[in-house]
Amino acid sequence: MKINCVICGKNNLDKDTIGINKKLLGLDIYNFYCMDCLADYLGCTVDELLDKIEEFKEEGCTLFE
């Protein structure tokens, strides 16, 4: 399934980007953000999001398999 950013329209978001959207915004969301737009939306940096993704992977979160 191809998922695009609801803000900028970036095509084919990767699985980690989809995973962090679901982890931070809820499993039942329909609108997804690319990393840049998600960082803007949440008021953080892309690097902070990437760090969180690595933390969640280390914790064994199934959204990032």
C-alpha atoms as a PDB file:
ATOM      1  CA  MET A   1       0.000   0.000   0.000  1.00  0.00           C
ATOM      2  CA  LYS A   2       1.392   3.387  -0.980  1.00  0.00           C
ATOM      3  CA  ILE A   3       0.957   6.111   1.600  1.00  0.00           C
ATOM      4  CA  ASN A   4       1.604   9.781   0.870  1.00  0.00           C
ATOM      5  CA  CYS A   5       2.169  12.752   3.185  1.00  0.00           C
ATOM      6  CA  VAL A   6      -1.089  14.584   3.874  1.00  0.00           C
ATOM      7  CA  ILE A   7       0.724  17.965   4.007  1.00  0.00           C
ATOM      8  CA  CYS A   8       3.354  18.046   1.237  1.00  0.00           C
ATOM      9  CA  GLY A   9       2.208  15.050  -0.816  1.00  0.00           C
ATOM     10  CA  LYS A  10       5.533  13.192  -0.631  1.00  0.00           C
ATOM     11  CA  ASN A  11       4.934   9.777  -2.202  1.00  0.00           C
ATOM     12  CA  ASN A  12       5.520   6.280  -0.848  1.00  0.00           C
ATOM     13  CA  LEU A  13       6.415   6.891   2.783  1.00  0.00           C
ATOM     14  CA  ASP A  14       8.777   4.214   4.113  1.00  0.00           C
ATOM     15  CA  LYS A  15       7.797   1.740   6.815  1.00  0.00           C
ATOM     16  CA  ASP A  16       9.687   3.524   9.604  1.00  0.00           C
ATOM     17  CA  THR A  17       7.936   6.798   8.760  1.00  0.00           C
ATOM     18  CA  ILE A  18       4.557   5.041   8.783  1.00  0.00           C
ATOM     19  CA  GLY A  19       5.493   3.325  12.040  1.00  0.00           C
ATOM     20  CA  ILE A  20       6.457   6.539  13.855  1.00  0.00           C
ATOM     21  CA  ASN A  21       3.225   8.183  12.685  1.00  0.00           C
ATOM     22  CA  LYS A  22       1.209   5.304  14.175  1.00  0.00           C
ATOM     23  CA  LYS A  23       3.302   5.186  17.348  1.00  0.00           C
ATOM     24  CA  LEU A  24       2.992   8.905  18.101  1.00  0.00           C
ATOM     25  CA  LEU A  25      -0.421   9.754  16.627  1.00  0.00           C
ATOM     26  CA  GLY A  26      -2.378   6.523  17.152  1.00  0.00           C
ATOM     27  CA  LEU A  27      -2.874   3.192  15.397  1.00  0.00           C
ATOM     28  CA  ASP A  28      -6.166   4.217  13.793  1.00  0.00           C
ATOM     29  CA  ILE A  29      -4.911   7.304  11.936  1.00  0.00           C
ATOM     30  CA  TYR A  30      -5.693   7.870   8.269  1.00  0.00           C
ATOM     31  CA  ASN A  31      -3.501  10.911   7.602  1.00  0.00           C
ATOM     32  CA  PHE A  32       0.235  10.320   7.567  1.00  0.00           C
ATOM     33  CA  TYR A  33       3.093  12.815   7.545  1.00  0.00           C
ATOM     34  CA  CYS A  34       6.562  12.565   6.007  1.00  0.00           C
ATOM     35  CA  MET A  35       9.410  12.980   8.504  1.00  0.00           C
ATOM     36  CA  ASP A  36       9.799  16.713   7.802  1.00  0.00           C
ATOM     37  CA  CYS A  37       6.088  17.487   8.143  1.00  0.00           C
ATOM     38  CA  LEU A  38       5.727  15.239  11.220  1.00  0.00           C
ATOM     39  CA  ALA A  39       8.611  17.045  12.925  1.00  0.00           C
ATOM     40  CA  ASP A  40       6.977  20.409  12.147  1.00  0.00           C
ATOM     41  CA  TYR A  41       3.599  19.129  13.375  1.00  0.00           C
ATOM     42  CA  LEU A  42       5.062  17.846  16.651  1.00  0.00           C
ATOM     43  CA  GLY A  43       7.452  20.755  17.183  1.00  0.00           C
ATOM     44  CA  CYS A  44      10.608  18.649  17.140  1.00  0.00           C
ATOM     45  CA  THR A  45      13.443  17.824  14.729  1.00  0.00           C
ATOM     46  CA  VAL A  46      13.739  14.978  12.237  1.00  0.00           C
ATOM     47  CA  ASP A  47      16.831  13.801  14.123  1.00  0.00           C
ATOM     48  CA  GLU A  48      14.780  13.524  17.314  1.00  0.00           C
ATOM     49  CA  LEU A  49      12.210  11.418  15.466  1.00  0.00           C
ATOM     50  CA  LEU A  50      14.946   9.181  14.066  1.00  0.00           C
ATOM     51  CA  ASP A  51      16.335   8.726  17.583  1.00  0.00           C
ATOM     52  CA  LYS A  52      12.872   7.734  18.832  1.00  0.00           C
ATOM     53  CA  ILE A  53      12.514   5.228  15.991  1.00  0.00           C
ATOM     54  CA  GLU A  54      15.802   3.601  17.044  1.00  0.00           C
ATOM     55  CA  GLU A  55      14.634   3.526  20.688  1.00  0.00           C
ATOM     56  CA  PHE A  56      11.338   1.880  19.718  1.00  0.00           C
ATOM     57  CA  LYS A  57      13.174  -0.676  17.558  1.00  0.00           C
ATOM     58  CA  GLU A  58      15.471  -1.541  20.483  1.00  0.00           C
ATOM     59  CA  GLU A  59      12.398  -1.972  22.683  1.00  0.00           C
ATOM     60  CA  GLY A  60      11.032  -4.464  20.145  1.00  0.00           C
ATOM     61  CA  CYS A  61       8.071  -2.363  18.993  1.00  0.00           C
ATOM     62  CA  THR A  62       6.271  -4.334  16.293  1.00  0.00           C
ATOM     63  CA  LEU A  63       5.497  -1.193  14.257  1.00  0.00           C
ATOM     64  CA  PHE A  64       9.136  -1.124  13.161  1.00  0.00           C
ATOM     65  CA  GLU A  65       9.697  -4.732  12.074  1.00  0.00           C
END
